[in-house]
Amino acid sequence: MTEQLLSIVHLSAVSARDGNAPVLRDVSLSVARGEVHGLVGESGAGKSTIAKAILGILPGGIRITQGTIKLGGRDLLALGAHARRRLLGAEVSLIPQDPLTALNPARRIGAQLTDGLRLWRGLSARDAQTRALALLDDVQMREPARVMRAYPHELSGGMRQRVLIAAAFALDPKLVIADEPTTALDTTVQKQILRLIRAMQERHGTSVIFVTHNLGVVAQICDRATLLYMGKVMEQGTTRDLIEVPHHPYTQAVMAACPRYDRPGQELEPIPDAVLATCRAEVMAFDRAGVSHG
C-alpha cells in the first residue's frame, strides 16, 4: 500500500467578509509520497484556498471551521504558529503563479536563492552559492553564473519561473505546491516548464500538489486529481479514470467542453446550464444539511 504524505479530512472553511459563506465544503483528499496530485476547477472553486490552508497563509476573514490537515501524520492545524512555520519552511515549498511579483525586484537572483539555504540548512555563503548554481543547472538554466548576478526584470518569464522551481526544490522538501505556475507563460514555454517540474519531482522523489484550471495540464503531469466546484469535491481519482471514464455529470460536462487537438474544427461545447444548476442544487443541499459549518 502506498504511504500517504498528506491527508486532508472533512476540511471546511467560511468567509467572514461574506457573512460566513462557505468557501470549502467538507473537502477530503490524500496525496501519496512521490505523487503529483491535481487540484482542478474553475475560478472560485476553492483549489487555491486548499493550498493556502496547507501553507497556513489563508487571507484575513477566511476561517477553518472543521477538519484536519496532516503532513506525515502531524496535524498542521493543531500546531502553534512557530512550530508550524518551522515544519513548513523545511518540508513544504511553493511555486507561485506569477514569478515577477514573487521575486524581489531589488535583489539579485543569487541572493534570493541562497537566503533559504543559509537560513534552513545552515550553509556557509560559499556552500550556498555552490548549491544555488547547481540548482540553476538542474532546471536547465543557461549561464547560471550570469543569472545569479541578474535582477528579476533582466530575465524572461520562463527563466524567472525556472528560478522559482529551483528555489522550491532547494531544500529537498517533502511536498511542493505549484499554484498555476504556467498561467502567465506561452504554450511552448508552458510545456517546457511542465516537463521540468515533473523531472525535478521524479529526481527528488517529492510529492506535488498542482493547482490548475486546465484539464490538459492535469493530463500531462498529474497521477491523480480532485475536481472541485464551489468548494466541494465533485470527483476524484486517477487522472486516467477522471478523463476517460468520468462519473459525475459535472466532470463529464467539463471533459466535453475541453478542445481536442485530434479533432480540429470541432465546435466547443459549453457546460450545459442544467448541469451547473444540478451542481449548485447539490451544493446548496449540502449547506442546508449544515455539514460545511462544522
C-alpha atoms as a PDB file:
ATOM      1  CA  MET A   1       0.000   0.000   0.000  1.00  0.00           C
ATOM      2  CA  THR A   2       1.352   3.452  -0.955  1.00  0.00           C
ATOM      3  CA  GLU A   3       2.329   5.588   2.029  1.00  0.00           C
ATOM      4  CA  GLN A   4       0.342   8.798   2.364  1.00  0.00           C
ATOM      5  CA  LEU A   5       2.266  12.036   2.881  1.00  0.00           C
ATOM      6  CA  LEU A   6      -0.651  14.465   3.094  1.00  0.00           C
ATOM      7  CA  SER A   7      -4.138  13.738   4.344  1.00  0.00           C
ATOM      8  CA  ILE A   8      -6.962  16.299   4.384  1.00  0.00           C
ATOM      9  CA  VAL A   9     -10.126  15.105   6.103  1.00  0.00           C
ATOM     10  CA  HIS A  10     -13.504  16.918   6.231  1.00  0.00           C
ATOM     11  CA  LEU A  11     -11.952  20.356   5.749  1.00  0.00           C
ATOM     12  CA  SER A  12     -14.461  23.213   5.752  1.00  0.00           C
ATOM     13  CA  ALA A  13     -13.932  26.972   5.802  1.00  0.00           C
ATOM     14  CA  VAL A  14     -16.062  30.111   5.710  1.00  0.00           C
ATOM     15  CA  SER A  15     -15.546  33.727   4.700  1.00  0.00           C
ATOM     16  CA  ALA A  16     -16.413  36.200   7.451  1.00  0.00           C
ATOM     17  CA  ARG A  17     -16.387  39.014   4.910  1.00  0.00           C
ATOM     18  CA  ASP A  18     -19.286  37.345   3.093  1.00  0.00           C
ATOM     19  CA  GLY A  19     -21.433  36.605   6.122  1.00  0.00           C
ATOM     20  CA  ASN A  20     -19.717  33.297   6.915  1.00  0.00           C
ATOM     21  CA  ALA A  21     -20.450  31.949   3.456  1.00  0.00           C
ATOM     22  CA  PRO A  22     -18.811  28.543   2.919  1.00  0.00           C
ATOM     23  CA  VAL A  23     -15.692  28.545   0.749  1.00  0.00           C
ATOM     24  CA  LEU A  24     -14.632  24.937   1.402  1.00  0.00           C
ATOM     25  CA  ARG A  25     -17.235  22.250   1.925  1.00  0.00           C
ATOM     26  CA  ASP A  26     -16.115  19.063   3.718  1.00  0.00           C
ATOM     27  CA  VAL A  27     -13.086  18.515   1.483  1.00  0.00           C
ATOM     28  CA  SER A  28     -11.210  15.225   1.886  1.00  0.00           C
ATOM     29  CA  LEU A  29      -8.234  14.152  -0.211  1.00  0.00           C
ATOM     30  CA  SER A  30      -4.861  12.487   0.173  1.00  0.00           C
ATOM     31  CA  VAL A  31      -1.503  12.740  -1.565  1.00  0.00           C
ATOM     32  CA  ALA A  32       0.877   9.783  -1.572  1.00  0.00           C
ATOM     33  CA  ARG A  33       4.631  10.103  -1.334  1.00  0.00           C
ATOM     34  CA  GLY A  34       6.035  10.777  -4.791  1.00  0.00           C
ATOM     35  CA  GLU A  35       2.596  11.563  -6.267  1.00  0.00           C
ATOM     36  CA  VAL A  36       1.595  14.547  -8.390  1.00  0.00           C
ATOM     37  CA  HIS A  37      -1.974  15.424  -7.398  1.00  0.00           C
ATOM     38  CA  GLY A  38      -4.005  17.963  -9.364  1.00  0.00           C
ATOM     39  CA  LEU A  39      -6.464  20.364  -7.771  1.00  0.00           C
ATOM     40  CA  VAL A  40      -8.602  21.421 -10.704  1.00  0.00           C
ATOM     41  CA  GLY A  41     -11.631  23.647 -11.089  1.00  0.00           C
ATOM     42  CA  GLU A  42     -12.852  26.977 -12.369  1.00  0.00           C
ATOM     43  CA  SER A  43     -12.045  30.280 -10.649  1.00  0.00           C
ATOM     44  CA  GLY A  44     -13.564  30.322  -7.178  1.00  0.00           C
ATOM     45  CA  ALA A  45     -13.754  26.532  -6.932  1.00  0.00           C
ATOM     46  CA  GLY A  46     -11.566  26.526  -3.810  1.00  0.00           C
ATOM     47  CA  LYS A  47      -8.373  24.972  -5.164  1.00  0.00           C
ATOM     48  CA  SER A  48      -6.059  27.828  -4.138  1.00  0.00           C
ATOM     49  CA  THR A  49      -7.850  28.096  -0.791  1.00  0.00           C
ATOM     50  CA  ILE A  50      -6.930  24.468  -0.063  1.00  0.00           C
ATOM     51  CA  ALA A  51      -3.306  25.186  -0.985  1.00  0.00           C
ATOM     52  CA  LYS A  52      -3.210  28.253   1.263  1.00  0.00           C
ATOM     53  CA  ALA A  53      -4.821  26.306   4.108  1.00  0.00           C
ATOM     54  CA  ILE A  54      -1.977  23.770   3.898  1.00  0.00           C
ATOM     55  CA  LEU A  55       0.610  26.570   3.915  1.00  0.00           C
ATOM     56  CA  GLY A  56      -1.123  28.469   6.712  1.00  0.00           C
ATOM     57  CA  ILE A  57      -1.470  31.643   4.651  1.00  0.00           C
ATOM     58  CA  LEU A  58      -5.248  31.963   4.332  1.00  0.00           C
ATOM     59  CA  PRO A  59      -6.392  35.541   3.662  1.00  0.00           C
ATOM     60  CA  GLY A  60      -7.881  37.525   6.506  1.00  0.00           C
ATOM     61  CA  GLY A  61     -11.530  36.690   7.030  1.00  0.00           C
ATOM     62  CA  ILE A  62     -11.224  33.068   5.893  1.00  0.00           C
ATOM     63  CA  ARG A  63     -11.730  30.771   8.876  1.00  0.00           C
ATOM     64  CA  ILE A  64     -11.428  26.991   9.038  1.00  0.00           C
ATOM     65  CA  THR A  65     -14.444  25.571  10.845  1.00  0.00           C
ATOM     66  CA  GLN A  66     -13.647  21.860  10.848  1.00  0.00           C
ATOM     67  CA  GLY A  67     -11.298  19.215   9.573  1.00  0.00           C
ATOM     68  CA  THR A  68      -7.662  18.162   9.755  1.00  0.00           C
ATOM     69  CA  ILE A  69      -4.617  18.646   7.541  1.00  0.00           C
ATOM     70  CA  LYS A  70      -1.971  16.064   8.359  1.00  0.00           C
ATOM     71  CA  LEU A  71       1.522  16.099   6.892  1.00  0.00           C
ATOM     72  CA  GLY A  72       3.424  12.925   7.660  1.00  0.00           C
ATOM     73  CA  GLY A  73       0.911  12.192  10.424  1.00  0.00           C
ATOM     74  CA  ARG A  74       1.248  15.622  12.105  1.00  0.00           C
ATOM     75  CA  ASP A  75      -1.875  17.766  12.200  1.00  0.00           C
ATOM     76  CA  LEU A  76      -0.827  21.178  10.886  1.00  0.00           C
ATOM     77  CA  LEU A  77      -3.926  22.877  12.285  1.00  0.00           C
ATOM     78  CA  ALA A  78      -3.083  21.702  15.801  1.00  0.00           C
ATOM     79  CA  LEU A  79       0.448  23.146  15.754  1.00  0.00           C
ATOM     80  CA  GLY A  80       1.327  26.535  17.171  1.00  0.00           C
ATOM     81  CA  ALA A  81       2.375  29.262  14.742  1.00  0.00           C
ATOM     82  CA  HIS A  82       6.124  28.874  15.429  1.00  0.00           C
ATOM     83  CA  ALA A  83       6.136  25.066  15.209  1.00  0.00           C
ATOM     84  CA  ARG A  84       4.063  25.122  12.033  1.00  0.00           C
ATOM     85  CA  ARG A  85       6.330  27.707  10.424  1.00  0.00           C
ATOM     86  CA  ARG A  86       9.438  25.626  11.183  1.00  0.00           C
ATOM     87  CA  LEU A  87       7.808  22.468   9.828  1.00  0.00           C
ATOM     88  CA  LEU A  88       6.500  24.047   6.659  1.00  0.00           C
ATOM     89  CA  GLY A  89       9.669  26.010   5.998  1.00  0.00           C
ATOM     90  CA  ALA A  90      11.709  22.828   5.979  1.00  0.00           C
ATOM     91  CA  GLU A  91       9.286  20.353   4.398  1.00  0.00           C
ATOM     92  CA  VAL A  92       6.816  22.264   2.176  1.00  0.00           C
ATOM     93  CA  SER A  93       7.541  24.797  -0.554  1.00  0.00           C
ATOM     94  CA  LEU A  94       5.565  26.854  -3.050  1.00  0.00           C
ATOM     95  CA  ILE A  95       5.926  27.602  -6.749  1.00  0.00           C
ATOM     96  CA  PRO A  96       3.834  30.782  -7.084  1.00  0.00           C
ATOM     97  CA  GLN A  97       1.725  31.751 -10.071  1.00  0.00           C
ATOM     98  CA  ASP A  98       3.483  34.981 -11.040  1.00  0.00           C
ATOM     99  CA  PRO A  99       7.286  34.882 -10.828  1.00  0.00           C
ATOM    100  CA  LEU A 100       7.639  38.615 -11.473  1.00  0.00           C
ATOM    101  CA  THR A 101       5.735  39.515  -8.302  1.00  0.00           C
ATOM    102  CA  ALA A 102       7.097  36.568  -6.290  1.00  0.00           C
ATOM    103  CA  LEU A 103      10.728  37.612  -6.764  1.00  0.00           C
ATOM    104  CA  ASN A 104      12.107  40.713  -5.053  1.00  0.00           C
ATOM    105  CA  PRO A 105      12.842  43.203  -7.859  1.00  0.00           C
ATOM    106  CA  ALA A 106      15.546  44.965  -5.807  1.00  0.00           C
ATOM    107  CA  ARG A 107      17.688  41.883  -5.089  1.00  0.00           C
ATOM    108  CA  ARG A 108      19.829  39.739  -7.357  1.00  0.00           C
ATOM    109  CA  ILE A 109      18.703  36.190  -8.133  1.00  0.00           C
ATOM    110  CA  GLY A 110      21.699  34.689  -6.362  1.00  0.00           C
ATOM    111  CA  ALA A 111      20.869  36.390  -3.071  1.00  0.00           C
ATOM    112  CA  GLN A 112      17.264  35.228  -3.254  1.00  0.00           C
ATOM    113  CA  LEU A 113      18.289  31.622  -3.910  1.00  0.00           C
ATOM    114  CA  THR A 114      20.920  31.450  -1.187  1.00  0.00           C
ATOM    115  CA  ASP A 115      18.817  33.011   1.595  1.00  0.00           C
ATOM    116  CA  GLY A 116      16.767  29.882   2.217  1.00  0.00           C
ATOM    117  CA  LEU A 117      19.787  27.606   2.017  1.00  0.00           C
ATOM    118  CA  ARG A 118      21.627  29.606   4.662  1.00  0.00           C
ATOM    119  CA  LEU A 119      18.586  30.001   6.929  1.00  0.00           C
ATOM    120  CA  TRP A 120      17.177  26.466   6.811  1.00  0.00           C
ATOM    121  CA  ARG A 121      20.279  24.386   6.041  1.00  0.00           C
ATOM    122  CA  GLY A 122      22.895  26.499   7.811  1.00  0.00           C
ATOM    123  CA  LEU A 123      25.180  26.577   4.766  1.00  0.00           C
ATOM    124  CA  SER A 124      28.073  28.991   4.525  1.00  0.00           C
ATOM    125  CA  ALA A 125      27.890  31.734   1.914  1.00  0.00           C
ATOM    126  CA  ARG A 126      30.280  29.802  -0.362  1.00  0.00           C
ATOM    127  CA  ASP A 127      28.422  26.477   0.002  1.00  0.00           C
ATOM    128  CA  ALA A 128      25.063  28.169  -0.556  1.00  0.00           C
ATOM    129  CA  GLN A 129      26.436  29.795  -3.700  1.00  0.00           C
ATOM    130  CA  THR A 130      27.666  26.424  -4.990  1.00  0.00           C
ATOM    131  CA  ARG A 131      24.324  24.780  -4.229  1.00  0.00           C
ATOM    132  CA  ALA A 132      22.380  27.606  -5.931  1.00  0.00           C
ATOM    133  CA  LEU A 133      24.472  27.287  -9.094  1.00  0.00           C
ATOM    134  CA  ALA A 134      23.843  23.536  -9.135  1.00  0.00           C
ATOM    135  CA  LEU A 135      20.097  24.113  -8.742  1.00  0.00           C
ATOM    136  CA  LEU A 136      20.032  26.521 -11.691  1.00  0.00           C
ATOM    137  CA  ASP A 137      21.875  23.914 -13.721  1.00  0.00           C
ATOM    138  CA  ASP A 138      19.276  21.308 -12.633  1.00  0.00           C
ATOM    139  CA  VAL A 139      16.468  23.465 -14.041  1.00  0.00           C
ATOM    140  CA  GLN A 140      18.369  23.726 -17.339  1.00  0.00           C
ATOM    141  CA  MET A 141      19.214  27.408 -16.961  1.00  0.00           C
ATOM    142  CA  ARG A 142      21.814  28.643 -19.422  1.00  0.00           C
ATOM    143  CA  GLU A 143      24.752  30.557 -17.933  1.00  0.00           C
ATOM    144  CA  PRO A 144      23.759  30.051 -14.279  1.00  0.00           C
ATOM    145  CA  ALA A 145      26.590  32.291 -13.036  1.00  0.00           C
ATOM    146  CA  ARG A 146      25.230  35.188 -15.096  1.00  0.00           C
ATOM    147  CA  VAL A 147      21.683  34.500 -13.860  1.00  0.00           C
ATOM    148  CA  MET A 148      22.904  34.587 -10.253  1.00  0.00           C
ATOM    149  CA  ARG A 149      24.104  38.179 -10.825  1.00  0.00           C
ATOM    150  CA  ALA A 150      20.924  39.255 -12.637  1.00  0.00           C
ATOM    151  CA  TYR A 151      17.849  41.053 -11.305  1.00  0.00           C
ATOM    152  CA  PRO A 152      14.389  39.533 -11.979  1.00  0.00           C
ATOM    153  CA  HIS A 153      13.486  42.113 -14.640  1.00  0.00           C
ATOM    154  CA  GLU A 154      16.525  41.076 -16.662  1.00  0.00           C
ATOM    155  CA  LEU A 155      15.151  37.551 -17.140  1.00  0.00           C
ATOM    156  CA  SER A 156      12.346  36.285 -19.361  1.00  0.00           C
ATOM    157  CA  GLY A 157       9.125  34.893 -17.875  1.00  0.00           C
ATOM    158  CA  GLY A 158      10.233  31.308 -18.457  1.00  0.00           C
ATOM    159  CA  MET A 159      13.625  31.983 -16.848  1.00  0.00           C
ATOM    160  CA  ARG A 160      12.014  33.562 -13.792  1.00  0.00           C
ATOM    161  CA  GLN A 161       9.749  30.533 -13.439  1.00  0.00           C
ATOM    162  CA  ARG A 162      12.789  28.250 -13.605  1.00  0.00           C
ATOM    163  CA  VAL A 163      14.343  30.254 -10.774  1.00  0.00           C
ATOM    164  CA  LEU A 164      11.233  29.711  -8.647  1.00  0.00           C
ATOM    165  CA  ILE A 165      11.269  25.981  -9.421  1.00  0.00           C
ATOM    166  CA  ALA A 166      14.919  25.830  -8.364  1.00  0.00           C
ATOM    167  CA  ALA A 167      14.056  27.657  -5.138  1.00  0.00           C
ATOM    168  CA  ALA A 168      11.115  25.346  -4.461  1.00  0.00           C
ATOM    169  CA  PHE A 169      13.295  22.220  -4.669  1.00  0.00           C
ATOM    170  CA  ALA A 170      16.354  23.770  -2.994  1.00  0.00           C
ATOM    171  CA  LEU A 171      15.665  22.295   0.455  1.00  0.00           C
ATOM    172  CA  ASP A 172      14.568  18.867  -0.823  1.00  0.00           C
ATOM    173  CA  PRO A 173      11.023  19.362   0.509  1.00  0.00           C
ATOM    174  CA  LYS A 174       8.592  16.520   1.004  1.00  0.00           C
ATOM    175  CA  LEU A 175       5.778  18.500  -0.661  1.00  0.00           C
ATOM    176  CA  VAL A 176       5.790  21.195  -3.341  1.00  0.00           C
ATOM    177  CA  ILE A 177       2.630  23.199  -4.014  1.00  0.00           C
ATOM    178  CA  ALA A 178       2.562  24.564  -7.571  1.00  0.00           C
ATOM    179  CA  ASP A 179      -0.098  27.279  -7.786  1.00  0.00           C
ATOM    180  CA  GLU A 180      -0.908  27.592 -11.508  1.00  0.00           C
ATOM    181  CA  PRO A 181       2.794  28.117 -12.351  1.00  0.00           C
ATOM    182  CA  THR A 182       2.277  28.123 -16.134  1.00  0.00           C
ATOM    183  CA  THR A 183      -0.655  30.547 -16.383  1.00  0.00           C
ATOM    184  CA  ALA A 184       1.410  33.556 -17.486  1.00  0.00           C
ATOM    185  CA  LEU A 185       3.524  31.610 -19.998  1.00  0.00           C
ATOM    186  CA  ASP A 186       3.006  30.929 -23.690  1.00  0.00           C
ATOM    187  CA  THR A 187       2.179  27.402 -24.805  1.00  0.00           C
ATOM    188  CA  THR A 188       5.706  26.367 -25.814  1.00  0.00           C
ATOM    189  CA  VAL A 189       7.293  27.561 -22.580  1.00  0.00           C
ATOM    190  CA  GLN A 190       4.384  26.075 -20.606  1.00  0.00           C
ATOM    191  CA  LYS A 191       5.175  22.603 -21.967  1.00  0.00           C
ATOM    192  CA  GLN A 192       8.851  23.030 -21.057  1.00  0.00           C
ATOM    193  CA  ILE A 193       8.008  24.100 -17.508  1.00  0.00           C
ATOM    194  CA  LEU A 194       5.609  21.178 -17.004  1.00  0.00           C
ATOM    195  CA  ARG A 195       8.267  18.721 -18.134  1.00  0.00           C
ATOM    196  CA  LEU A 196      10.790  20.396 -15.864  1.00  0.00           C
ATOM    197  CA  ILE A 197       8.542  20.227 -12.786  1.00  0.00           C
ATOM    198  CA  ARG A 198       7.855  16.565 -13.451  1.00  0.00           C
ATOM    199  CA  ALA A 199      11.574  15.835 -13.950  1.00  0.00           C
ATOM    200  CA  MET A 200      12.516  17.652 -10.723  1.00  0.00           C
ATOM    201  CA  GLN A 201       9.721  15.864  -8.857  1.00  0.00           C
ATOM    202  CA  GLU A 202      10.951  12.468 -10.008  1.00  0.00           C
ATOM    203  CA  ARG A 203      14.587  13.309  -9.304  1.00  0.00           C
ATOM    204  CA  HIS A 204      13.838  14.427  -5.738  1.00  0.00           C
ATOM    205  CA  GLY A 205      11.032  11.940  -5.024  1.00  0.00           C
ATOM    206  CA  THR A 206       8.846  14.853  -3.966  1.00  0.00           C
ATOM    207  CA  SER A 207       5.068  14.933  -3.754  1.00  0.00           C
ATOM    208  CA  VAL A 208       3.446  17.778  -5.705  1.00  0.00           C
ATOM    209  CA  ILE A 209       0.052  19.434  -5.478  1.00  0.00           C
ATOM    210  CA  PHE A 210      -0.594  21.095  -8.830  1.00  0.00           C
ATOM    211  CA  VAL A 211      -3.283  23.789  -8.756  1.00  0.00           C
ATOM    212  CA  THR A 212      -4.803  24.483 -12.168  1.00  0.00           C
ATOM    213  CA  HIS A 213      -7.993  25.215 -14.081  1.00  0.00           C
ATOM    214  CA  ASN A 214      -6.665  23.361 -17.120  1.00  0.00           C
ATOM    215  CA  LEU A 215      -7.521  19.681 -17.511  1.00  0.00           C
ATOM    216  CA  GLY A 216      -4.992  19.458 -20.328  1.00  0.00           C
ATOM    217  CA  VAL A 217      -2.271  20.304 -17.811  1.00  0.00           C
ATOM    218  CA  VAL A 218      -3.665  17.674 -15.435  1.00  0.00           C
ATOM    219  CA  ALA A 219      -3.455  15.076 -18.201  1.00  0.00           C
ATOM    220  CA  GLN A 220       0.197  15.930 -18.848  1.00  0.00           C
ATOM    221  CA  ILE A 221       1.600  15.976 -15.330  1.00  0.00           C
ATOM    222  CA  CYS A 222      -0.743  14.556 -12.665  1.00  0.00           C
ATOM    223  CA  ASP A 223      -1.065  10.991 -11.363  1.00  0.00           C
ATOM    224  CA  ARG A 224      -4.347  11.690  -9.573  1.00  0.00           C
ATOM    225  CA  ALA A 225      -6.687  14.662  -9.426  1.00  0.00           C
ATOM    226  CA  THR A 226      -9.537  16.214  -7.464  1.00  0.00           C
ATOM    227  CA  LEU A 227     -12.195  18.221  -9.326  1.00  0.00           C
ATOM    228  CA  LEU A 228     -13.834  20.990  -7.286  1.00  0.00           C
ATOM    229  CA  TYR A 229     -16.918  23.142  -7.743  1.00  0.00           C
ATOM    230  CA  MET A 230     -17.919  25.885  -5.282  1.00  0.00           C
ATOM    231  CA  GLY A 231     -15.564  24.487  -2.658  1.00  0.00           C
ATOM    232  CA  LYS A 232     -16.946  20.955  -2.846  1.00  0.00           C
ATOM    233  CA  VAL A 233     -15.310  17.831  -4.264  1.00  0.00           C
ATOM    234  CA  MET A 234     -17.231  16.690  -7.316  1.00  0.00           C
ATOM    235  CA  GLU A 235     -14.992  13.770  -8.251  1.00  0.00           C
ATOM    236  CA  GLN A 236     -11.502  12.456  -7.598  1.00  0.00           C
ATOM    237  CA  GLY A 237      -9.411   9.536  -8.774  1.00  0.00           C
ATOM    238  CA  THR A 238      -6.590   8.655 -11.117  1.00  0.00           C
ATOM    239  CA  THR A 239      -6.073  11.106 -13.935  1.00  0.00           C
ATOM    240  CA  ARG A 240      -6.789   8.410 -16.480  1.00  0.00           C
ATOM    241  CA  ASP A 241     -10.120   7.479 -14.882  1.00  0.00           C
ATOM    242  CA  LEU A 242     -11.127  11.106 -14.428  1.00  0.00           C
ATOM    243  CA  ILE A 243     -10.517  11.864 -18.093  1.00  0.00           C
ATOM    244  CA  GLU A 244     -11.541   8.615 -19.775  1.00  0.00           C
ATOM    245  CA  VAL A 245     -14.394   7.388 -17.554  1.00  0.00           C
ATOM    246  CA  PRO A 246     -15.747  10.376 -15.585  1.00  0.00           C
ATOM    247  CA  HIS A 247     -18.733   9.554 -13.371  1.00  0.00           C
ATOM    248  CA  HIS A 248     -20.099  12.863 -12.097  1.00  0.00           C
ATOM    249  CA  PRO A 249     -22.194  14.861 -14.618  1.00  0.00           C
ATOM    250  CA  TYR A 250     -20.041  17.942 -13.946  1.00  0.00           C
ATOM    251  CA  THR A 251     -16.840  16.052 -14.749  1.00  0.00           C
ATOM    252  CA  GLN A 252     -18.433  14.675 -17.905  1.00  0.00           C
ATOM    253  CA  ALA A 253     -19.513  18.170 -18.959  1.00  0.00           C
ATOM    254  CA  VAL A 254     -16.086  19.667 -18.242  1.00  0.00           C
ATOM    255  CA  MET A 255     -14.426  16.962 -20.311  1.00  0.00           C
ATOM    256  CA  ALA A 256     -16.854  17.503 -23.181  1.00  0.00           C
ATOM    257  CA  ALA A 257     -16.079  21.248 -23.086  1.00  0.00           C
ATOM    258  CA  CYS A 258     -12.323  20.716 -23.495  1.00  0.00           C
ATOM    259  CA  PRO A 259     -10.996  21.325 -27.019  1.00  0.00           C
ATOM    260  CA  ARG A 260      -9.332  18.278 -28.584  1.00  0.00           C
ATOM    261  CA  TYR A 261      -6.183  18.646 -30.670  1.00  0.00           C
ATOM    262  CA  ASP A 262      -7.114  15.451 -32.517  1.00  0.00           C
ATOM    263  CA  ARG A 263     -10.467  16.909 -33.585  1.00  0.00           C
ATOM    264  CA  PRO A 264      -9.643  20.115 -35.482  1.00  0.00           C
ATOM    265  CA  GLY A 265     -12.618  22.250 -36.366  1.00  0.00           C
ATOM    266  CA  GLN A 266     -14.813  20.718 -33.659  1.00  0.00           C
ATOM    267  CA  GLU A 267     -17.173  23.252 -32.091  1.00  0.00           C
ATOM    268  CA  LEU A 268     -16.658  23.899 -28.394  1.00  0.00           C
ATOM    269  CA  GLU A 269     -19.407  22.614 -26.136  1.00  0.00           C
ATOM    270  CA  PRO A 270     -20.166  24.891 -23.177  1.00  0.00           C
ATOM    271  CA  ILE A 271     -21.153  23.258 -19.905  1.00  0.00           C
ATOM    272  CA  PRO A 272     -24.959  22.959 -20.039  1.00  0.00           C
ATOM    273  CA  ASP A 273     -26.915  25.221 -17.697  1.00  0.00           C
ATOM    274  CA  ALA A 274     -28.811  22.160 -16.460  1.00  0.00           C
ATOM    275  CA  VAL A 275     -25.574  20.549 -15.242  1.00  0.00           C
ATOM    276  CA  LEU A 276     -24.496  23.728 -13.437  1.00  0.00           C
ATOM    277  CA  ALA A 277     -27.950  24.047 -11.885  1.00  0.00           C
ATOM    278  CA  THR A 278     -27.732  20.461 -10.649  1.00  0.00           C
ATOM    279  CA  CYS A 279     -24.284  21.127  -9.141  1.00  0.00           C
ATOM    280  CA  ARG A 280     -25.485  24.278  -7.398  1.00  0.00           C
ATOM    281  CA  ALA A 281     -28.508  22.427  -6.050  1.00  0.00           C
ATOM    282  CA  GLU A 282     -26.184  19.682  -4.761  1.00  0.00           C
ATOM    283  CA  VAL A 283     -24.015  22.270  -3.016  1.00  0.00           C
ATOM    284  CA  MET A 284     -26.988  24.132  -1.532  1.00  0.00           C
ATOM    285  CA  ALA A 285     -28.481  20.885  -0.236  1.00  0.00           C
ATOM    286  CA  PHE A 286     -25.126  20.133   1.340  1.00  0.00           C
ATOM    287  CA  ASP A 287     -25.132  23.535   3.057  1.00  0.00           C
ATOM    288  CA  ARG A 288     -28.685  23.143   4.341  1.00  0.00           C
ATOM    289  CA  ALA A 289     -27.631  19.903   5.980  1.00  0.00           C
ATOM    290  CA  GLY A 290     -25.172  22.006   7.986  1.00  0.00           C
ATOM    291  CA  VAL A 291     -22.153  19.810   7.245  1.00  0.00           C
ATOM    292  CA  SER A 292     -19.922  22.571   5.936  1.00  0.00           C
ATOM    293  CA  HIS A 293     -20.344  24.735   9.026  1.00  0.00           C
ATOM    294  CA  GLY A 294     -18.946  22.175  11.425  1.00  0.00           C
END
